[in-house]
Amino acid sequence: MRTILLCILLEFLTLAPAARPTIYLIRHGEKPKDGGNGLSAEGLKRAQCLRQVFGADSEYNIGFIMAQKPKLNGKRARPYQTVAPLGRDLGVPIDTSCERNDYKCVRNMVENYEGTKNILICWEHRRMSHIIEELGDHDLDAPKYPDDR
């Protein structure tokens, strides 16, 4: 199965070297062609595929999952919907406490993470470079993706 995911590996430098988790940053699954809320059929398949890619039997050792905060009207829910099946499989609740543009909130959540496992962040693709920069890497840019991917 062809998987088109953005996986950016970041090591958060302010944590002690022995406890430093790897941060995986992925784009949400595909949206409907009409631009509506939620995931398309392909996006739902992508969410199911993540269960294998990042699941308990994988080498990724995910212990904390974040997705941007969905709106009550169903908008901005794709990141959560993308990682929800994986979270259920792993028994890891999805943290949605950070608004889409609140990159400092993301940084604070990462800084305050006390676990030893790795972190998976699922976000809207246009905001990834801002998250990367807020986490301390000023030289790495997220790849640019067309809206229909």
N, C-alpha and C. Protein backbone atom coordinates (compact mmCIF):
# COMPACT_ATOMS: atom_id res chain seq x y z
N MET A 1 0.85 -1.18 0.00
CA MET A 1 0.00 0.00 0.00
C MET A 1 0.89 1.24 0.00
N ARG A 2 0.63 2.11 -0.93
CA ARG A 2 1.41 3.33 -1.04
C ARG A 2 0.96 4.30 0.05
N THR A 3 1.89 4.77 0.78
CA THR A 3 1.57 5.69 1.87
C THR A 3 2.22 7.03 1.60
N ILE A 4 1.42 8.06 1.55
CA ILE A 4 1.96 9.41 1.38
C ILE A 4 1.76 10.11 2.71
N LEU A 5 2.79 10.12 3.49
CA LEU A 5 2.76 10.75 4.81
C LEU A 5 3.99 11.60 4.97
N LEU A 6 3.83 12.66 5.65
CA LEU A 6 4.98 13.46 6.02
C LEU A 6 5.43 12.99 7.38
N CYS A 7 6.62 12.48 7.46
CA CYS A 7 7.18 12.10 8.74
C CYS A 7 8.46 12.90 8.94
N ILE A 8 8.42 13.80 9.83
CA ILE A 8 9.59 14.60 10.14
C ILE A 8 10.05 14.21 11.53
N LEU A 9 11.28 13.79 11.61
CA LEU A 9 11.81 13.37 12.89
C LEU A 9 12.54 14.55 13.53
N LEU A 10 12.13 14.85 14.73
CA LEU A 10 12.78 15.92 15.47
C LEU A 10 13.16 15.39 16.85
N GLU A 11 14.30 15.76 17.31
CA GLU A 11 14.64 15.46 18.70
C GLU A 11 14.58 16.78 19.44
N PHE A 12 13.81 16.79 20.47
CA PHE A 12 13.63 18.02 21.21
C PHE A 12 14.83 18.22 22.13
N LEU A 13 15.62 19.24 21.87
CA LEU A 13 16.94 19.39 22.47
C LEU A 13 16.93 19.77 23.94
N THR A 14 15.82 20.26 24.48
CA THR A 14 15.84 20.69 25.87
C THR A 14 15.66 19.53 26.85
N LEU A 15 15.33 18.35 26.36
CA LEU A 15 15.17 17.20 27.24
C LEU A 15 16.52 16.54 27.46
N ALA A 16 16.66 15.85 28.57
CA ALA A 16 17.90 15.13 28.85
C ALA A 16 18.16 14.11 27.74
N PRO A 17 19.42 13.94 27.30
CA PRO A 17 19.70 13.05 26.17
C PRO A 17 19.14 11.64 26.34
N ALA A 18 19.19 11.07 27.52
CA ALA A 18 18.72 9.71 27.71
C ALA A 18 17.19 9.63 27.60
N ALA A 19 16.50 10.73 27.89
CA ALA A 19 15.04 10.73 27.91
C ALA A 19 14.44 11.41 26.68
N ARG A 20 15.26 11.76 25.73
CA ARG A 20 14.82 12.53 24.58
C ARG A 20 13.96 11.69 23.63
N PRO A 21 12.66 12.01 23.54
CA PRO A 21 11.82 11.25 22.60
C PRO A 21 12.03 11.76 21.17
N THR A 22 11.68 10.94 20.23
CA THR A 22 11.63 11.37 18.84
C THR A 22 10.22 11.86 18.58
N ILE A 23 10.10 12.95 17.84
CA ILE A 23 8.81 13.52 17.50
C ILE A 23 8.55 13.23 16.03
N TYR A 24 7.42 12.58 15.76
CA TYR A 24 6.99 12.31 14.39
C TYR A 24 5.86 13.26 14.07
N LEU A 25 6.01 14.03 13.02
CA LEU A 25 5.01 15.00 12.61
C LEU A 25 4.43 14.54 11.28
N ILE A 26 3.10 14.28 11.27
CA ILE A 26 2.46 13.80 10.05
C ILE A 26 1.29 14.70 9.68
N ARG A 27 1.00 14.72 8.41
CA ARG A 27 -0.15 15.45 7.90
C ARG A 27 -1.40 14.58 8.08
N HIS A 28 -2.54 15.23 8.25
CA HIS A 28 -3.79 14.49 8.37
C HIS A 28 -4.12 13.77 7.06
N GLY A 29 -5.06 12.81 7.16
CA GLY A 29 -5.51 12.07 5.98
C GLY A 29 -6.27 12.96 5.00
N GLU A 30 -6.49 12.43 3.82
CA GLU A 30 -7.10 13.18 2.73
C GLU A 30 -8.50 13.65 3.06
N LYS A 31 -8.80 14.85 2.55
CA LYS A 31 -10.13 15.42 2.75
C LYS A 31 -11.03 15.09 1.56
N PRO A 32 -12.33 15.23 1.73
CA PRO A 32 -13.25 14.99 0.61
C PRO A 32 -12.98 15.97 -0.53
N LYS A 33 -13.21 15.53 -1.74
CA LYS A 33 -12.97 16.38 -2.91
C LYS A 33 -13.82 17.64 -2.90
N ASP A 34 -14.98 17.60 -2.25
CA ASP A 34 -15.84 18.78 -2.19
C ASP A 34 -15.42 19.75 -1.09
N GLY A 35 -14.31 19.42 -0.38
CA GLY A 35 -13.81 20.30 0.67
C GLY A 35 -14.58 20.22 1.97
N GLY A 36 -15.50 19.29 2.09
CA GLY A 36 -16.32 19.16 3.30
C GLY A 36 -15.51 18.74 4.52
N ASN A 37 -16.18 18.62 5.61
CA ASN A 37 -15.55 18.22 6.87
C ASN A 37 -15.19 16.74 6.83
N GLY A 38 -14.29 16.35 7.70
CA GLY A 38 -13.96 14.94 7.86
C GLY A 38 -12.99 14.44 6.81
N LEU A 39 -12.80 13.14 6.82
CA LEU A 39 -11.87 12.47 5.91
C LEU A 39 -12.63 11.86 4.74
N SER A 40 -11.96 11.81 3.60
CA SER A 40 -12.51 11.10 2.45
C SER A 40 -12.33 9.60 2.68
N ALA A 41 -12.84 8.79 1.76
CA ALA A 41 -12.64 7.34 1.86
C ALA A 41 -11.16 7.02 1.88
N GLU A 42 -10.38 7.73 1.07
CA GLU A 42 -8.93 7.52 1.05
C GLU A 42 -8.31 7.93 2.39
N GLY A 43 -8.79 9.03 2.96
CA GLY A 43 -8.30 9.48 4.26
C GLY A 43 -8.61 8.48 5.36
N LEU A 44 -9.78 7.87 5.30
CA LEU A 44 -10.13 6.84 6.29
C LEU A 44 -9.22 5.62 6.14
N LYS A 45 -8.88 5.26 4.90
CA LYS A 45 -7.92 4.17 4.68
C LYS A 45 -6.56 4.53 5.26
N ARG A 46 -6.16 5.79 5.08
CA ARG A 46 -4.88 6.25 5.61
C ARG A 46 -4.86 6.12 7.13
N ALA A 47 -5.96 6.50 7.77
CA ALA A 47 -6.05 6.40 9.23
C ALA A 47 -5.90 4.94 9.67
N GLN A 48 -6.50 4.02 8.92
CA GLN A 48 -6.37 2.60 9.25
C GLN A 48 -4.93 2.12 9.02
N CYS A 49 -4.30 2.61 7.97
CA CYS A 49 -2.92 2.23 7.67
C CYS A 49 -1.96 2.67 8.78
N LEU A 50 -2.24 3.82 9.38
CA LEU A 50 -1.38 4.31 10.47
C LEU A 50 -1.35 3.34 11.64
N ARG A 51 -2.41 2.56 11.80
CA ARG A 51 -2.45 1.57 12.87
C ARG A 51 -1.33 0.56 12.70
N GLN A 52 -0.99 0.24 11.46
CA GLN A 52 0.11 -0.69 11.19
C GLN A 52 1.45 0.02 11.24
N VAL A 53 1.50 1.22 10.64
CA VAL A 53 2.77 1.94 10.56
C VAL A 53 3.30 2.30 11.95
N PHE A 54 2.45 2.86 12.80
CA PHE A 54 2.88 3.33 14.12
C PHE A 54 2.37 2.45 15.26
N GLY A 55 1.76 1.32 14.97
CA GLY A 55 1.14 0.48 15.99
C GLY A 55 2.11 -0.14 16.98
N ALA A 56 1.56 -0.91 17.89
CA ALA A 56 2.33 -1.50 18.99
C ALA A 56 3.47 -2.39 18.51
N ASP A 57 3.31 -3.02 17.36
CA ASP A 57 4.36 -3.90 16.84
C ASP A 57 5.40 -3.17 16.00
N SER A 58 5.25 -1.86 15.85
CA SER A 58 6.20 -1.09 15.05
C SER A 58 7.41 -0.70 15.89
N GLU A 59 8.39 -0.15 15.24
CA GLU A 59 9.60 0.33 15.93
C GLU A 59 9.44 1.75 16.46
N TYR A 60 8.28 2.38 16.23
CA TYR A 60 8.12 3.79 16.57
C TYR A 60 7.84 4.06 18.03
N ASN A 61 7.31 3.10 18.78
CA ASN A 61 7.16 3.22 20.23
C ASN A 61 6.44 4.51 20.64
N ILE A 62 5.24 4.71 20.12
CA ILE A 62 4.48 5.94 20.38
C ILE A 62 3.82 5.87 21.76
N GLY A 63 4.04 6.92 22.54
CA GLY A 63 3.45 6.99 23.87
C GLY A 63 2.61 8.23 24.10
N PHE A 64 2.67 9.17 23.15
CA PHE A 64 1.91 10.42 23.27
C PHE A 64 1.50 10.84 21.87
N ILE A 65 0.21 11.15 21.69
CA ILE A 65 -0.32 11.55 20.39
C ILE A 65 -1.05 12.88 20.54
N MET A 66 -0.73 13.81 19.64
CA MET A 66 -1.39 15.11 19.62
C MET A 66 -2.05 15.34 18.26
N ALA A 67 -3.17 16.03 18.28
CA ALA A 67 -3.83 16.51 17.06
C ALA A 67 -4.41 17.88 17.38
N GLN A 68 -4.47 18.73 16.37
CA GLN A 68 -5.03 20.07 16.62
C GLN A 68 -6.47 19.96 17.09
N LYS A 69 -6.88 20.95 17.86
CA LYS A 69 -8.21 20.96 18.46
C LYS A 69 -9.29 21.11 17.37
N PRO A 70 -10.23 20.16 17.29
CA PRO A 70 -11.32 20.29 16.31
C PRO A 70 -12.31 21.36 16.76
N LYS A 71 -13.01 21.93 15.80
CA LYS A 71 -14.08 22.87 16.12
C LYS A 71 -15.37 22.09 16.41
N LEU A 72 -16.26 22.67 17.16
CA LEU A 72 -17.52 22.02 17.51
C LEU A 72 -18.39 21.73 16.29
N ASN A 73 -18.23 22.52 15.23
CA ASN A 73 -19.04 22.34 14.02
C ASN A 73 -18.47 21.27 13.08
N GLY A 74 -17.43 20.56 13.51
CA GLY A 74 -16.85 19.49 12.70
C GLY A 74 -15.66 19.90 11.86
N LYS A 75 -15.40 21.19 11.76
CA LYS A 75 -14.23 21.65 11.01
C LYS A 75 -12.97 21.36 11.81
N ARG A 76 -11.87 21.22 11.10
CA ARG A 76 -10.55 20.96 11.67
C ARG A 76 -10.48 19.64 12.44
N ALA A 77 -11.32 18.70 12.10
CA ALA A 77 -11.33 17.41 12.80
C ALA A 77 -10.46 16.36 12.12
N ARG A 78 -9.99 16.63 10.90
CA ARG A 78 -9.24 15.62 10.16
C ARG A 78 -8.01 15.11 10.90
N PRO A 79 -7.19 15.97 11.54
CA PRO A 79 -6.03 15.43 12.26
C PRO A 79 -6.43 14.44 13.35
N TYR A 80 -7.46 14.79 14.12
CA TYR A 80 -7.92 13.87 15.16
C TYR A 80 -8.44 12.58 14.55
N GLN A 81 -9.26 12.68 13.52
CA GLN A 81 -9.82 11.50 12.88
C GLN A 81 -8.73 10.60 12.28
N THR A 82 -7.63 11.21 11.86
CA THR A 82 -6.53 10.45 11.27
C THR A 82 -5.83 9.57 12.30
N VAL A 83 -5.65 10.07 13.51
CA VAL A 83 -4.90 9.32 14.53
C VAL A 83 -5.78 8.61 15.55
N ALA A 84 -7.09 8.84 15.52
CA ALA A 84 -7.98 8.22 16.52
C ALA A 84 -7.91 6.69 16.51
N PRO A 85 -7.94 6.02 15.35
CA PRO A 85 -7.85 4.56 15.39
C PRO A 85 -6.54 4.06 16.01
N LEU A 86 -5.46 4.72 15.70
CA LEU A 86 -4.17 4.36 16.28
C LEU A 86 -4.19 4.56 17.79
N GLY A 87 -4.71 5.69 18.24
CA GLY A 87 -4.79 5.96 19.67
C GLY A 87 -5.58 4.89 20.41
N ARG A 88 -6.70 4.48 19.82
CA ARG A 88 -7.51 3.41 20.44
C ARG A 88 -6.71 2.12 20.53
N ASP A 89 -6.02 1.76 19.45
CA ASP A 89 -5.21 0.53 19.45
C ASP A 89 -4.14 0.55 20.53
N LEU A 90 -3.48 1.70 20.66
CA LEU A 90 -2.37 1.81 21.61
C LEU A 90 -2.84 2.09 23.04
N GLY A 91 -4.11 2.45 23.20
CA GLY A 91 -4.60 2.86 24.52
C GLY A 91 -4.03 4.21 24.92
N VAL A 92 -3.74 5.04 23.93
CA VAL A 92 -3.17 6.37 24.17
C VAL A 92 -4.23 7.40 23.80
N PRO A 93 -4.69 8.20 24.76
CA PRO A 93 -5.67 9.23 24.43
C PRO A 93 -5.03 10.28 23.51
N ILE A 94 -5.83 10.85 22.62
CA ILE A 94 -5.34 11.88 21.70
C ILE A 94 -5.49 13.23 22.40
N ASP A 95 -4.39 13.93 22.56
CA ASP A 95 -4.43 15.25 23.16
C ASP A 95 -4.83 16.26 22.09
N THR A 96 -5.93 16.95 22.29
CA THR A 96 -6.41 17.97 21.35
C THR A 96 -6.53 19.32 22.05
N SER A 97 -5.66 19.59 22.98
CA SER A 97 -5.78 20.82 23.76
C SER A 97 -5.22 22.05 23.04
N CYS A 98 -4.49 21.88 21.94
CA CYS A 98 -3.88 23.01 21.26
C CYS A 98 -4.66 23.41 20.01
N GLU A 99 -4.95 24.69 19.90
CA GLU A 99 -5.60 25.23 18.71
C GLU A 99 -4.64 25.12 17.52
N ARG A 100 -5.19 25.13 16.32
CA ARG A 100 -4.41 24.95 15.10
C ARG A 100 -3.19 25.87 15.00
N ASN A 101 -3.34 27.14 15.37
CA ASN A 101 -2.25 28.10 15.22
C ASN A 101 -1.49 28.38 16.51
N ASP A 102 -1.73 27.59 17.54
CA ASP A 102 -1.06 27.82 18.83
C ASP A 102 0.17 26.92 18.95
N TYR A 103 1.22 27.32 18.27
CA TYR A 103 2.44 26.51 18.21
C TYR A 103 3.17 26.48 19.55
N LYS A 104 3.03 27.53 20.34
CA LYS A 104 3.63 27.53 21.68
C LYS A 104 2.97 26.48 22.56
N CYS A 105 1.68 26.29 22.40
CA CYS A 105 0.97 25.24 23.13
C CYS A 105 1.57 23.88 22.79
N VAL A 106 1.81 23.64 21.50
CA VAL A 106 2.42 22.37 21.07
C VAL A 106 3.78 22.21 21.74
N ARG A 107 4.59 23.25 21.69
CA ARG A 107 5.91 23.20 22.32
C ARG A 107 5.79 22.90 23.82
N ASN A 108 4.86 23.57 24.49
CA ASN A 108 4.68 23.35 25.93
C ASN A 108 4.27 21.92 26.22
N MET A 109 3.39 21.36 25.40
CA MET A 109 2.98 19.97 25.60
C MET A 109 4.17 19.03 25.45
N VAL A 110 5.00 19.28 24.45
CA VAL A 110 6.19 18.45 24.23
C VAL A 110 7.16 18.62 25.40
N GLU A 111 7.40 19.86 25.81
CA GLU A 111 8.32 20.11 26.92
C GLU A 111 7.84 19.46 28.21
N ASN A 112 6.54 19.41 28.43
CA ASN A 112 5.99 18.86 29.67
C ASN A 112 5.73 17.36 29.61
N TYR A 113 5.96 16.76 28.47
CA TYR A 113 5.78 15.32 28.34
C TYR A 113 6.82 14.61 29.19
N GLU A 114 6.36 13.76 30.07
CA GLU A 114 7.26 13.08 31.01
C GLU A 114 7.50 11.63 30.66
N GLY A 115 6.90 11.16 29.59
CA GLY A 115 7.07 9.76 29.20
C GLY A 115 8.42 9.51 28.55
N THR A 116 8.70 8.25 28.34
CA THR A 116 9.95 7.86 27.69
C THR A 116 9.73 7.40 26.25
N LYS A 117 8.46 7.22 25.88
CA LYS A 117 8.16 6.81 24.52
C LYS A 117 8.13 8.02 23.59
N ASN A 118 7.97 7.78 22.31
CA ASN A 118 8.01 8.83 21.30
C ASN A 118 6.67 9.53 21.15
N ILE A 119 6.69 10.66 20.43
CA ILE A 119 5.54 11.54 20.27
C ILE A 119 5.13 11.57 18.80
N LEU A 120 3.82 11.47 18.55
CA LEU A 120 3.26 11.61 17.21
C LEU A 120 2.35 12.82 17.21
N ILE A 121 2.60 13.74 16.28
CA ILE A 121 1.79 14.95 16.14
C ILE A 121 1.17 14.93 14.75
N CYS A 122 -0.15 15.05 14.68
CA CYS A 122 -0.88 15.09 13.41
C CYS A 122 -1.52 16.47 13.29
N TRP A 123 -1.20 17.18 12.20
CA TRP A 123 -1.63 18.57 12.07
C TRP A 123 -1.97 18.90 10.63
N GLU A 124 -2.51 20.06 10.45
CA GLU A 124 -2.79 20.60 9.12
C GLU A 124 -1.47 20.95 8.45
N HIS A 125 -1.30 20.57 7.20
CA HIS A 125 0.01 20.63 6.55
C HIS A 125 0.61 22.03 6.44
N ARG A 126 -0.19 23.05 6.31
CA ARG A 126 0.37 24.40 6.17
C ARG A 126 0.96 24.93 7.46
N ARG A 127 0.71 24.28 8.56
CA ARG A 127 1.17 24.76 9.87
C ARG A 127 2.41 24.00 10.36
N MET A 128 2.82 22.97 9.65
CA MET A 128 3.90 22.13 10.14
C MET A 128 5.23 22.87 10.30
N SER A 129 5.57 23.72 9.35
CA SER A 129 6.84 24.47 9.46
C SER A 129 6.85 25.34 10.71
N HIS A 130 5.68 25.89 11.06
CA HIS A 130 5.59 26.72 12.27
C HIS A 130 5.83 25.87 13.52
N ILE A 131 5.30 24.67 13.53
CA ILE A 131 5.51 23.78 14.67
C ILE A 131 6.99 23.40 14.77
N ILE A 132 7.57 23.05 13.63
CA ILE A 132 8.99 22.68 13.61
C ILE A 132 9.84 23.82 14.15
N GLU A 133 9.57 25.03 13.70
CA GLU A 133 10.33 26.18 14.17
C GLU A 133 10.13 26.41 15.66
N GLU A 134 8.90 26.29 16.13
CA GLU A 134 8.61 26.49 17.55
C GLU A 134 9.31 25.45 18.41
N LEU A 135 9.50 24.26 17.86
CA LEU A 135 10.20 23.20 18.60
C LEU A 135 11.71 23.39 18.58
N GLY A 136 12.19 24.39 17.86
CA GLY A 136 13.59 24.74 17.95
C GLY A 136 14.43 24.50 16.71
N ASP A 137 13.86 23.99 15.64
CA ASP A 137 14.64 23.79 14.42
C ASP A 137 14.27 24.90 13.44
N HIS A 138 15.19 25.83 13.27
CA HIS A 138 14.94 26.99 12.42
C HIS A 138 15.43 26.77 10.99
N ASP A 139 16.05 25.62 10.73
CA ASP A 139 16.59 25.35 9.40
C ASP A 139 15.76 24.35 8.60
N LEU A 140 14.88 23.62 9.25
CA LEU A 140 14.11 22.57 8.59
C LEU A 140 12.72 23.07 8.26
N ASP A 141 12.33 22.96 6.99
CA ASP A 141 10.98 23.32 6.58
C ASP A 141 10.22 22.05 6.22
N ALA A 142 8.95 22.03 6.57
CA ALA A 142 8.10 20.91 6.14
C ALA A 142 7.94 21.00 4.63
N PRO A 143 7.89 19.88 3.95
CA PRO A 143 7.64 19.91 2.50
C PRO A 143 6.32 20.59 2.20
N LYS A 144 6.24 21.19 1.03
CA LYS A 144 5.01 21.85 0.58
C LYS A 144 4.14 20.80 -0.13
N TYR A 145 2.88 20.73 0.25
CA TYR A 145 1.96 19.76 -0.33
C TYR A 145 0.82 20.50 -1.02
N PRO A 146 0.41 20.02 -2.20
CA PRO A 146 -0.81 20.58 -2.81
C PRO A 146 -2.00 20.24 -1.92
N ASP A 147 -3.02 21.08 -1.94
CA ASP A 147 -4.19 20.86 -1.10
C ASP A 147 -4.92 19.56 -1.39
N ASP A 148 -4.77 19.03 -2.61
CA ASP A 148 -5.50 17.82 -2.96
C ASP A 148 -4.77 16.54 -2.62
N ARG A 149 -3.67 16.63 -1.91
CA ARG A 149 -2.93 15.43 -1.54
C ARG A 149 -3.16 15.09 -0.09
